[in-house]
Amino acid sequence: MCKVLKVNRSLYYHWIKTGCIIKKVDKKLNKLKEIYGLIISRKRISNIMKDLNLKV
């Protein structure tokens, strides 16, 4: 898979070990929800995704 995607194997394993940015954002939002009982709107998620240059 690394050859197909032209990605260094070491970088791939580093990415797996440290976690991708989406997982980090999910963890952060879940932690806020648990602490404050927040309900996060689609608009807020959309803004976060724009900040991270993510597209569905």
PDB file of N, CA and C in Angstrom:
ATOM      1  N   MET A   1       0.828  -1.190   0.000  1.00  0.00           N
ATOM      2  CA  MET A   1       0.000   0.000   0.000  1.00  0.00           C
ATOM      3  C   MET A   1       0.872   1.253   0.000  1.00  0.00           C
ATOM      4  N   CYS A   2       1.961   1.225   0.746  1.00  0.00           N
ATOM      5  CA  CYS A   2       2.853   2.388   0.799  1.00  0.00           C
ATOM      6  C   CYS A   2       3.434   2.699  -0.575  1.00  0.00           C
ATOM      7  N   LYS A   3       3.770   1.671  -1.340  1.00  0.00           N
ATOM      8  CA  LYS A   3       4.295   1.884  -2.689  1.00  0.00           C
ATOM      9  C   LYS A   3       3.251   2.514  -3.586  1.00  0.00           C
ATOM     10  N   VAL A   4       2.026   2.029  -3.479  1.00  0.00           N
ATOM     11  CA  VAL A   4       0.942   2.564  -4.309  1.00  0.00           C
ATOM     12  C   VAL A   4       0.701   4.029  -4.000  1.00  0.00           C
ATOM     13  N   LEU A   5       0.701   4.365  -2.716  1.00  0.00           N
ATOM     14  CA  LEU A   5       0.449   5.751  -2.299  1.00  0.00           C
ATOM     15  C   LEU A   5       1.700   6.621  -2.288  1.00  0.00           C
ATOM     16  N   LYS A   6       2.849   5.992  -2.583  1.00  0.00           N
ATOM     17  CA  LYS A   6       4.134   6.698  -2.613  1.00  0.00           C
ATOM     18  C   LYS A   6       4.418   7.393  -1.278  1.00  0.00           C
ATOM     19  N   VAL A   7       4.312   6.586  -0.215  1.00  0.00           N
ATOM     20  CA  VAL A   7       4.533   7.072   1.143  1.00  0.00           C
ATOM     21  C   VAL A   7       5.617   6.212   1.775  1.00  0.00           C
ATOM     22  N   ASN A   8       6.526   6.856   2.501  1.00  0.00           N
ATOM     23  CA  ASN A   8       7.549   6.117   3.233  1.00  0.00           C
ATOM     24  C   ASN A   8       6.899   5.215   4.274  1.00  0.00           C
ATOM     25  N   ARG A   9       7.412   4.011   4.390  1.00  0.00           N
ATOM     26  CA  ARG A   9       6.861   3.079   5.372  1.00  0.00           C
ATOM     27  C   ARG A   9       7.029   3.622   6.785  1.00  0.00           C
ATOM     28  N   SER A  10       8.164   4.227   7.065  1.00  0.00           N
ATOM     29  CA  SER A  10       8.404   4.764   8.411  1.00  0.00           C
ATOM     30  C   SER A  10       7.433   5.890   8.743  1.00  0.00           C
ATOM     31  N   LEU A  11       7.113   6.724   7.760  1.00  0.00           N
ATOM     32  CA  LEU A  11       6.152   7.800   8.000  1.00  0.00           C
ATOM     33  C   LEU A  11       4.759   7.244   8.273  1.00  0.00           C
ATOM     34  N   TYR A  12       4.409   6.194   7.539  1.00  0.00           N
ATOM     35  CA  TYR A  12       3.104   5.564   7.753  1.00  0.00           C
ATOM     36  C   TYR A  12       2.995   5.034   9.185  1.00  0.00           C
ATOM     37  N   TYR A  13       4.025   4.319   9.641  1.00  0.00           N
ATOM     38  CA  TYR A  13       3.982   3.775  10.996  1.00  0.00           C
ATOM     39  C   TYR A  13       4.023   4.882  12.050  1.00  0.00           C
ATOM     40  N   HIS A  14       4.720   5.952  11.768  1.00  0.00           N
ATOM     41  CA  HIS A  14       4.725   7.102  12.677  1.00  0.00           C
ATOM     42  C   HIS A  14       3.321   7.694  12.773  1.00  0.00           C
ATOM     43  N   TRP A  15       2.639   7.811  11.638  1.00  0.00           N
ATOM     44  CA  TRP A  15       1.275   8.343  11.589  1.00  0.00           C
ATOM     45  C   TRP A  15       0.334   7.453  12.392  1.00  0.00           C
ATOM     46  N   ILE A  16       0.485   6.135  12.253  1.00  0.00           N
ATOM     47  CA  ILE A  16      -0.349   5.194  12.994  1.00  0.00           C
ATOM     48  C   ILE A  16      -0.073   5.315  14.494  1.00  0.00           C
ATOM     49  N   LYS A  17       1.201   5.428  14.848  1.00  0.00           N
ATOM     50  CA  LYS A  17       1.587   5.487  16.262  1.00  0.00           C
ATOM     51  C   LYS A  17       1.076   6.757  16.935  1.00  0.00           C
ATOM     52  N   THR A  18       1.238   7.895  16.273  1.00  0.00           N
ATOM     53  CA  THR A  18       0.856   9.167  16.886  1.00  0.00           C
ATOM     54  C   THR A  18      -0.622   9.483  16.715  1.00  0.00           C
ATOM     55  N   GLY A  19      -1.279   8.842  15.762  1.00  0.00           N
ATOM     56  CA  GLY A  19      -2.690   9.092  15.530  1.00  0.00           C
ATOM     57  C   GLY A  19      -2.884  10.189  14.512  1.00  0.00           C
ATOM     58  N   CYS A  20      -3.877  10.023  13.701  1.00  0.00           N
ATOM     59  CA  CYS A  20      -4.140  11.024  12.676  1.00  0.00           C
ATOM     60  C   CYS A  20      -4.867  12.217  13.290  1.00  0.00           C
ATOM     61  N   ILE A  21      -4.914  13.305  12.590  1.00  0.00           N
ATOM     62  CA  ILE A  21      -5.499  14.561  13.086  1.00  0.00           C
ATOM     63  C   ILE A  21      -6.991  14.403  13.370  1.00  0.00           C
ATOM     64  N   ILE A  22      -7.670  13.595  12.596  1.00  0.00           N
ATOM     65  CA  ILE A  22      -9.113  13.422  12.800  1.00  0.00           C
ATOM     66  C   ILE A  22      -9.380  12.765  14.142  1.00  0.00           C
ATOM     67  N   LYS A  23      -8.582  11.763  14.479  1.00  0.00           N
ATOM     68  CA  LYS A  23      -8.758  11.101  15.770  1.00  0.00           C
ATOM     69  C   LYS A  23      -8.497  12.065  16.910  1.00  0.00           C
ATOM     70  N   LYS A  24      -7.503  12.926  16.742  1.00  0.00           N
ATOM     71  CA  LYS A  24      -7.179  13.893  17.793  1.00  0.00           C
ATOM     72  C   LYS A  24      -8.327  14.877  17.986  1.00  0.00           C
ATOM     73  N   VAL A  25      -8.919  15.339  16.893  1.00  0.00           N
ATOM     74  CA  VAL A  25     -10.049  16.274  16.981  1.00  0.00           C
ATOM     75  C   VAL A  25     -11.236  15.572  17.624  1.00  0.00           C
ATOM     76  N   ASP A  26     -11.506  14.328  17.217  1.00  0.00           N
ATOM     77  CA  ASP A  26     -12.612  13.577  17.810  1.00  0.00           C
ATOM     78  C   ASP A  26     -12.424  13.418  19.310  1.00  0.00           C
ATOM     79  N   LYS A  27     -11.208  13.081  19.727  1.00  0.00           N
ATOM     80  CA  LYS A  27     -10.943  12.912  21.154  1.00  0.00           C
ATOM     81  C   LYS A  27     -11.165  14.214  21.907  1.00  0.00           C
ATOM     82  N   LYS A  28     -10.712  15.324  21.301  1.00  0.00           N
ATOM     83  CA  LYS A  28     -10.850  16.628  21.948  1.00  0.00           C
ATOM     84  C   LYS A  28     -12.330  17.004  22.099  1.00  0.00           C
ATOM     85  N   LEU A  29     -13.108  16.791  21.031  1.00  0.00           N
ATOM     86  CA  LEU A  29     -14.532  17.112  21.085  1.00  0.00           C
ATOM     87  C   LEU A  29     -15.261  16.212  22.080  1.00  0.00           C
ATOM     88  N   ASN A  30     -14.920  14.938  22.104  1.00  0.00           N
ATOM     89  CA  ASN A  30     -15.554  14.018  23.054  1.00  0.00           C
ATOM     90  C   ASN A  30     -15.234  14.401  24.491  1.00  0.00           C
ATOM     91  N   LYS A  31     -13.989  14.845  24.723  1.00  0.00           N
ATOM     92  CA  LYS A  31     -13.601  15.252  26.079  1.00  0.00           C
ATOM     93  C   LYS A  31     -14.409  16.480  26.508  1.00  0.00           C
ATOM     94  N   LEU A  32     -14.574  17.447  25.582  1.00  0.00           N
ATOM     95  CA  LEU A  32     -15.370  18.643  25.897  1.00  0.00           C
ATOM     96  C   LEU A  32     -16.813  18.261  26.184  1.00  0.00           C
ATOM     97  N   LYS A  33     -17.326  17.338  25.401  1.00  0.00           N
ATOM     98  CA  LYS A  33     -18.714  16.906  25.591  1.00  0.00           C
ATOM     99  C   LYS A  33     -18.897  16.269  26.963  1.00  0.00           C
ATOM    100  N   GLU A  34     -17.941  15.410  27.355  1.00  0.00           N
ATOM    101  CA  GLU A  34     -18.039  14.751  28.658  1.00  0.00           C
ATOM    102  C   GLU A  34     -17.943  15.751  29.808  1.00  0.00           C
ATOM    103  N   ILE A  35     -17.046  16.716  29.663  1.00  0.00           N
ATOM    104  CA  ILE A  35     -16.836  17.677  30.750  1.00  0.00           C
ATOM    105  C   ILE A  35     -17.987  18.676  30.851  1.00  0.00           C
ATOM    106  N   TYR A  36     -18.381  19.242  29.709  1.00  0.00           N
ATOM    107  CA  TYR A  36     -19.351  20.334  29.724  1.00  0.00           C
ATOM    108  C   TYR A  36     -20.738  19.940  29.250  1.00  0.00           C
ATOM    109  N   GLY A  37     -20.894  18.721  28.734  1.00  0.00           N
ATOM    110  CA  GLY A  37     -22.199  18.301  28.230  1.00  0.00           C
ATOM    111  C   GLY A  37     -22.606  19.074  26.984  1.00  0.00           C
ATOM    112  N   LEU A  38     -21.619  19.428  26.166  1.00  0.00           N
ATOM    113  CA  LEU A  38     -21.887  20.230  24.982  1.00  0.00           C
ATOM    114  C   LEU A  38     -22.550  19.428  23.868  1.00  0.00           C
ATOM    115  N   ILE A  39     -23.413  20.100  23.156  1.00  0.00           N
ATOM    116  CA  ILE A  39     -23.948  19.553  21.923  1.00  0.00           C
ATOM    117  C   ILE A  39     -23.312  20.377  20.812  1.00  0.00           C
ATOM    118  N   ILE A  40     -22.627  19.715  19.913  1.00  0.00           N
ATOM    119  CA  ILE A  40     -21.877  20.412  18.875  1.00  0.00           C
ATOM    120  C   ILE A  40     -22.675  20.402  17.590  1.00  0.00           C
ATOM    121  N   SER A  41     -22.869  21.589  17.027  1.00  0.00           N
ATOM    122  CA  SER A  41     -23.688  21.710  15.828  1.00  0.00           C
ATOM    123  C   SER A  41     -22.912  21.337  14.571  1.00  0.00           C
ATOM    124  N   ARG A  42     -23.661  21.103  13.512  1.00  0.00           N
ATOM    125  CA  ARG A  42     -23.045  20.802  12.219  1.00  0.00           C
ATOM    126  C   ARG A  42     -22.208  21.971  11.735  1.00  0.00           C
ATOM    127  N   LYS A  43     -22.663  23.173  12.027  1.00  0.00           N
ATOM    128  CA  LYS A  43     -21.930  24.374  11.609  1.00  0.00           C
ATOM    129  C   LYS A  43     -20.552  24.412  12.276  1.00  0.00           C
ATOM    130  N   ARG A  44     -20.495  24.079  13.556  1.00  0.00           N
ATOM    131  CA  ARG A  44     -19.223  24.073  14.292  1.00  0.00           C
ATOM    132  C   ARG A  44     -18.290  23.011  13.726  1.00  0.00           C
ATOM    133  N   ILE A  45     -18.825  21.838  13.465  1.00  0.00           N
ATOM    134  CA  ILE A  45     -18.014  20.769  12.876  1.00  0.00           C
ATOM    135  C   ILE A  45     -17.521  21.184  11.502  1.00  0.00           C
ATOM    136  N   SER A  46     -18.378  21.848  10.734  1.00  0.00           N
ATOM    137  CA  SER A  46     -17.998  22.340   9.413  1.00  0.00           C
ATOM    138  C   SER A  46     -16.839  23.332   9.513  1.00  0.00           C
ATOM    139  N   ASN A  47     -16.907  24.232  10.482  1.00  0.00           N
ATOM    140  CA  ASN A  47     -15.831  25.211  10.681  1.00  0.00           C
ATOM    141  C   ASN A  47     -14.525  24.543  11.085  1.00  0.00           C
ATOM    142  N   ILE A  48     -14.610  23.549  11.953  1.00  0.00           N
ATOM    143  CA  ILE A  48     -13.410  22.816  12.362  1.00  0.00           C
ATOM    144  C   ILE A  48     -12.796  22.133  11.151  1.00  0.00           C
ATOM    145  N   MET A  49     -13.630  21.507  10.341  1.00  0.00           N
ATOM    146  CA  MET A  49     -13.126  20.812   9.158  1.00  0.00           C
ATOM    147  C   MET A  49     -12.484  21.790   8.177  1.00  0.00           C
ATOM    148  N   LYS A  50     -13.061  22.969   8.018  1.00  0.00           N
ATOM    149  CA  LYS A  50     -12.458  23.977   7.140  1.00  0.00           C
ATOM    150  C   LYS A  50     -11.092  24.410   7.666  1.00  0.00           C
ATOM    151  N   ASP A  51     -10.986  24.592   8.977  1.00  0.00           N
ATOM    152  CA  ASP A  51      -9.710  24.963   9.589  1.00  0.00           C
ATOM    153  C   ASP A  51      -8.636  23.910   9.353  1.00  0.00           C
ATOM    154  N   LEU A  52      -9.058  22.645   9.313  1.00  0.00           N
ATOM    155  CA  LEU A  52      -8.127  21.540   9.129  1.00  0.00           C
ATOM    156  C   LEU A  52      -7.952  21.143   7.659  1.00  0.00           C
ATOM    157  N   ASN A  53      -8.611  21.900   6.775  1.00  0.00           N
ATOM    158  CA  ASN A  53      -8.597  21.604   5.335  1.00  0.00           C
ATOM    159  C   ASN A  53      -9.087  20.192   5.030  1.00  0.00           C
ATOM    160  N   LEU A  54     -10.148  19.776   5.697  1.00  0.00           N
ATOM    161  CA  LEU A  54     -10.741  18.456   5.483  1.00  0.00           C
ATOM    162  C   LEU A  54     -12.008  18.597   4.672  1.00  0.00           C
ATOM    163  N   LYS A  55     -12.242  17.629   3.808  1.00  0.00           N
ATOM    164  CA  LYS A  55     -13.467  17.598   3.010  1.00  0.00           C
ATOM    165  C   LYS A  55     -14.075  16.224   3.085  1.00  0.00           C
ATOM    166  N   VAL A  56     -15.398  16.187   3.075  1.00  0.00           N
ATOM    167  CA  VAL A  56     -16.100  14.900   3.132  1.00  0.00           C
ATOM    168  C   VAL A  56     -16.139  14.295   1.750  1.00  0.00           C
TER     169      VAL A  56
END
